[in-house]
Amino acid sequence: MPRLITAHQAGQILSARRKAMGLSQAAAAANLGISQNRLSELEADPARLTLDRLLSLASQLGFEVVLQEKTPPTDTGEW
């Protein structure tokens, strides 16, 4: 599962998952109680997602949002 580094990645991941599930923006938006236009805006600019909306959308798409400690990078070089 990809790690989120930027808000833009969230939009790409959520949109790709919605499409993979065969779910239209209109259907996903209706399940969230928002307009299709609003969902389109949120997928394009996910920095505007509230935490509540992110959790709802993630759940609808079969994701869970997990906060965990960052794992330290592993040194793979000789030096």
N, C-alpha and C. Protein backbone atom coordinates (compact mmCIF):
# COMPACT_ATOMS: atom_id res chain seq x y z
N MET A 1 0.85 -1.17 0.00
CA MET A 1 0.00 0.00 0.00
C MET A 1 0.90 1.23 0.00
N PRO A 2 0.60 2.18 -0.87
CA PRO A 2 1.45 3.38 -0.93
C PRO A 2 1.31 4.25 0.32
N ARG A 3 2.40 4.90 0.66
CA ARG A 3 2.38 5.85 1.78
C ARG A 3 2.08 7.22 1.25
N LEU A 4 1.32 7.98 2.00
CA LEU A 4 1.00 9.34 1.60
C LEU A 4 2.09 10.29 2.05
N ILE A 5 2.59 11.05 1.12
CA ILE A 5 3.57 12.07 1.42
C ILE A 5 2.96 13.45 1.18
N THR A 6 2.10 13.53 0.16
CA THR A 6 1.45 14.80 -0.18
C THR A 6 -0.06 14.61 -0.29
N ALA A 7 -0.78 15.70 -0.15
CA ALA A 7 -2.24 15.66 -0.30
C ALA A 7 -2.61 15.23 -1.71
N HIS A 8 -1.85 15.66 -2.70
CA HIS A 8 -2.16 15.32 -4.10
C HIS A 8 -2.20 13.80 -4.29
N GLN A 9 -1.30 13.09 -3.61
CA GLN A 9 -1.30 11.64 -3.71
C GLN A 9 -2.61 11.04 -3.20
N ALA A 10 -3.17 11.63 -2.17
CA ALA A 10 -4.44 11.13 -1.63
C ALA A 10 -5.52 11.17 -2.69
N GLY A 11 -5.59 12.27 -3.41
CA GLY A 11 -6.58 12.41 -4.47
C GLY A 11 -6.41 11.35 -5.55
N GLN A 12 -5.17 11.11 -5.93
CA GLN A 12 -4.88 10.11 -6.96
C GLN A 12 -5.26 8.71 -6.49
N ILE A 13 -4.91 8.39 -5.26
CA ILE A 13 -5.19 7.05 -4.72
C ILE A 13 -6.69 6.83 -4.57
N LEU A 14 -7.39 7.81 -4.02
CA LEU A 14 -8.83 7.68 -3.82
C LEU A 14 -9.57 7.59 -5.16
N SER A 15 -9.18 8.41 -6.11
CA SER A 15 -9.81 8.39 -7.43
C SER A 15 -9.56 7.05 -8.13
N ALA A 16 -8.33 6.57 -8.08
CA ALA A 16 -8.00 5.30 -8.73
C ALA A 16 -8.78 4.15 -8.10
N ARG A 17 -8.90 4.16 -6.79
CA ARG A 17 -9.65 3.10 -6.10
C ARG A 17 -11.13 3.14 -6.48
N ARG A 18 -11.70 4.36 -6.50
CA ARG A 18 -13.11 4.52 -6.87
C ARG A 18 -13.35 3.95 -8.26
N LYS A 19 -12.46 4.29 -9.20
CA LYS A 19 -12.60 3.81 -10.57
C LYS A 19 -12.42 2.30 -10.65
N ALA A 20 -11.46 1.75 -9.91
CA ALA A 20 -11.22 0.31 -9.90
C ALA A 20 -12.43 -0.45 -9.37
N MET A 21 -13.18 0.19 -8.48
CA MET A 21 -14.38 -0.44 -7.93
C MET A 21 -15.58 -0.27 -8.86
N GLY A 22 -15.39 0.46 -9.97
CA GLY A 22 -16.48 0.71 -10.90
C GLY A 22 -17.51 1.68 -10.36
N LEU A 23 -17.09 2.53 -9.45
CA LEU A 23 -17.98 3.48 -8.80
C LEU A 23 -17.83 4.85 -9.46
N SER A 24 -18.93 5.38 -9.94
CA SER A 24 -18.88 6.71 -10.56
C SER A 24 -18.75 7.79 -9.49
N GLN A 25 -18.30 8.96 -9.91
CA GLN A 25 -18.23 10.08 -8.97
C GLN A 25 -19.62 10.38 -8.42
N ALA A 26 -20.62 10.30 -9.27
CA ALA A 26 -21.99 10.61 -8.84
C ALA A 26 -22.44 9.64 -7.75
N ALA A 27 -22.17 8.35 -7.92
CA ALA A 27 -22.58 7.35 -6.94
C ALA A 27 -21.81 7.51 -5.63
N ALA A 28 -20.51 7.71 -5.74
CA ALA A 28 -19.69 7.89 -4.54
C ALA A 28 -20.11 9.15 -3.80
N ALA A 29 -20.35 10.21 -4.53
CA ALA A 29 -20.77 11.48 -3.92
C ALA A 29 -22.11 11.32 -3.22
N ALA A 30 -23.05 10.63 -3.86
CA ALA A 30 -24.37 10.42 -3.26
C ALA A 30 -24.23 9.66 -1.94
N ASN A 31 -23.36 8.66 -1.89
CA ASN A 31 -23.14 7.90 -0.66
C ASN A 31 -22.55 8.78 0.45
N LEU A 32 -21.81 9.81 0.06
CA LEU A 32 -21.20 10.73 1.03
C LEU A 32 -22.12 11.89 1.39
N GLY A 33 -23.18 12.06 0.61
CA GLY A 33 -24.09 13.18 0.85
C GLY A 33 -23.59 14.50 0.32
N ILE A 34 -22.76 14.43 -0.74
CA ILE A 34 -22.26 15.64 -1.39
C ILE A 34 -22.55 15.56 -2.88
N SER A 35 -22.34 16.65 -3.58
CA SER A 35 -22.59 16.66 -5.03
C SER A 35 -21.42 16.02 -5.77
N GLN A 36 -21.71 15.57 -6.98
CA GLN A 36 -20.67 15.00 -7.84
C GLN A 36 -19.60 16.05 -8.10
N ASN A 37 -20.02 17.29 -8.31
CA ASN A 37 -19.08 18.37 -8.58
C ASN A 37 -18.13 18.56 -7.39
N ARG A 38 -18.65 18.48 -6.18
CA ARG A 38 -17.82 18.64 -4.98
C ARG A 38 -16.81 17.51 -4.86
N LEU A 39 -17.23 16.27 -5.15
CA LEU A 39 -16.30 15.15 -5.10
C LEU A 39 -15.21 15.32 -6.15
N SER A 40 -15.58 15.78 -7.33
CA SER A 40 -14.60 16.04 -8.37
C SER A 40 -13.56 17.06 -7.89
N GLU A 41 -14.03 18.11 -7.24
CA GLU A 41 -13.11 19.13 -6.71
C GLU A 41 -12.19 18.53 -5.66
N LEU A 42 -12.72 17.68 -4.79
CA LEU A 42 -11.92 17.08 -3.73
C LEU A 42 -10.88 16.10 -4.27
N GLU A 43 -11.24 15.36 -5.31
CA GLU A 43 -10.26 14.46 -5.92
C GLU A 43 -9.15 15.25 -6.61
N ALA A 44 -9.50 16.38 -7.20
CA ALA A 44 -8.52 17.21 -7.90
C ALA A 44 -7.65 18.00 -6.91
N ASP A 45 -8.23 18.41 -5.79
CA ASP A 45 -7.53 19.21 -4.80
C ASP A 45 -7.81 18.65 -3.40
N PRO A 46 -7.23 17.48 -3.09
CA PRO A 46 -7.54 16.81 -1.83
C PRO A 46 -7.06 17.55 -0.58
N ALA A 47 -6.27 18.59 -0.74
CA ALA A 47 -5.86 19.38 0.42
C ALA A 47 -7.08 20.01 1.09
N ARG A 48 -8.18 20.09 0.36
CA ARG A 48 -9.41 20.68 0.89
C ARG A 48 -10.30 19.66 1.62
N LEU A 49 -9.87 18.39 1.64
CA LEU A 49 -10.63 17.36 2.36
C LEU A 49 -10.53 17.61 3.86
N THR A 50 -11.65 17.55 4.52
CA THR A 50 -11.61 17.57 5.98
C THR A 50 -11.26 16.15 6.44
N LEU A 51 -10.79 16.03 7.65
CA LEU A 51 -10.46 14.71 8.17
C LEU A 51 -11.70 13.83 8.19
N ASP A 52 -12.82 14.40 8.58
CA ASP A 52 -14.08 13.67 8.63
C ASP A 52 -14.46 13.13 7.24
N ARG A 53 -14.32 13.98 6.23
CA ARG A 53 -14.66 13.58 4.86
C ARG A 53 -13.67 12.54 4.35
N LEU A 54 -12.40 12.70 4.66
CA LEU A 54 -11.39 11.72 4.26
C LEU A 54 -11.70 10.35 4.86
N LEU A 55 -12.03 10.32 6.14
CA LEU A 55 -12.36 9.05 6.79
C LEU A 55 -13.59 8.40 6.17
N SER A 56 -14.60 9.20 5.86
CA SER A 56 -15.82 8.67 5.23
C SER A 56 -15.54 8.11 3.85
N LEU A 57 -14.81 8.87 3.04
CA LEU A 57 -14.50 8.44 1.69
C LEU A 57 -13.61 7.21 1.71
N ALA A 58 -12.59 7.21 2.57
CA ALA A 58 -11.70 6.05 2.67
C ALA A 58 -12.48 4.80 3.06
N SER A 59 -13.37 4.92 4.01
CA SER A 59 -14.18 3.79 4.45
C SER A 59 -15.06 3.27 3.31
N GLN A 60 -15.68 4.19 2.59
CA GLN A 60 -16.54 3.81 1.47
C GLN A 60 -15.75 3.03 0.41
N LEU A 61 -14.48 3.36 0.26
CA LEU A 61 -13.65 2.71 -0.75
C LEU A 61 -12.88 1.50 -0.22
N GLY A 62 -13.19 1.11 1.02
CA GLY A 62 -12.56 -0.07 1.59
C GLY A 62 -11.17 0.18 2.16
N PHE A 63 -10.85 1.42 2.44
CA PHE A 63 -9.57 1.78 3.06
C PHE A 63 -9.78 2.11 4.52
N GLU A 64 -8.72 2.04 5.28
CA GLU A 64 -8.74 2.59 6.63
C GLU A 64 -7.56 3.55 6.72
N VAL A 65 -7.72 4.56 7.50
CA VAL A 65 -6.66 5.55 7.69
C VAL A 65 -5.94 5.19 8.98
N VAL A 66 -4.64 5.02 8.88
CA VAL A 66 -3.84 4.59 10.02
C VAL A 66 -2.70 5.59 10.21
N LEU A 67 -2.53 6.03 11.44
CA LEU A 67 -1.38 6.85 11.78
C LEU A 67 -0.41 5.97 12.54
N GLN A 68 0.82 5.96 12.12
CA GLN A 68 1.82 5.15 12.79
C GLN A 68 3.15 5.87 12.79
N GLU A 69 4.02 5.41 13.66
CA GLU A 69 5.34 6.01 13.71
C GLU A 69 6.06 5.78 12.40
N LYS A 70 6.81 6.78 12.00
CA LYS A 70 7.60 6.68 10.79
C LYS A 70 8.74 5.70 11.02
N THR A 71 8.96 4.84 10.04
CA THR A 71 10.08 3.92 10.15
C THR A 71 11.33 4.63 9.64
N PRO A 72 12.44 4.49 10.34
CA PRO A 72 13.66 5.17 9.90
C PRO A 72 14.13 4.58 8.58
N PRO A 73 14.72 5.42 7.74
CA PRO A 73 15.23 4.89 6.46
C PRO A 73 16.35 3.89 6.72
N THR A 74 16.41 2.91 5.86
CA THR A 74 17.49 1.93 5.99
C THR A 74 18.64 2.36 5.10
N ASP A 75 19.82 2.25 5.60
CA ASP A 75 21.01 2.64 4.85
C ASP A 75 21.44 1.46 3.98
N THR A 76 21.30 1.63 2.68
CA THR A 76 21.65 0.54 1.77
C THR A 76 22.99 0.76 1.10
N GLY A 77 23.61 1.91 1.33
CA GLY A 77 24.90 2.19 0.70
C GLY A 77 26.06 1.67 1.53
N GLU A 78 27.19 1.55 0.89
CA GLU A 78 28.39 1.08 1.58
C GLU A 78 28.97 2.18 2.45
N TRP A 79 28.78 3.40 2.09
CA TRP A 79 29.40 4.51 2.82
C TRP A 79 28.45 4.98 3.82
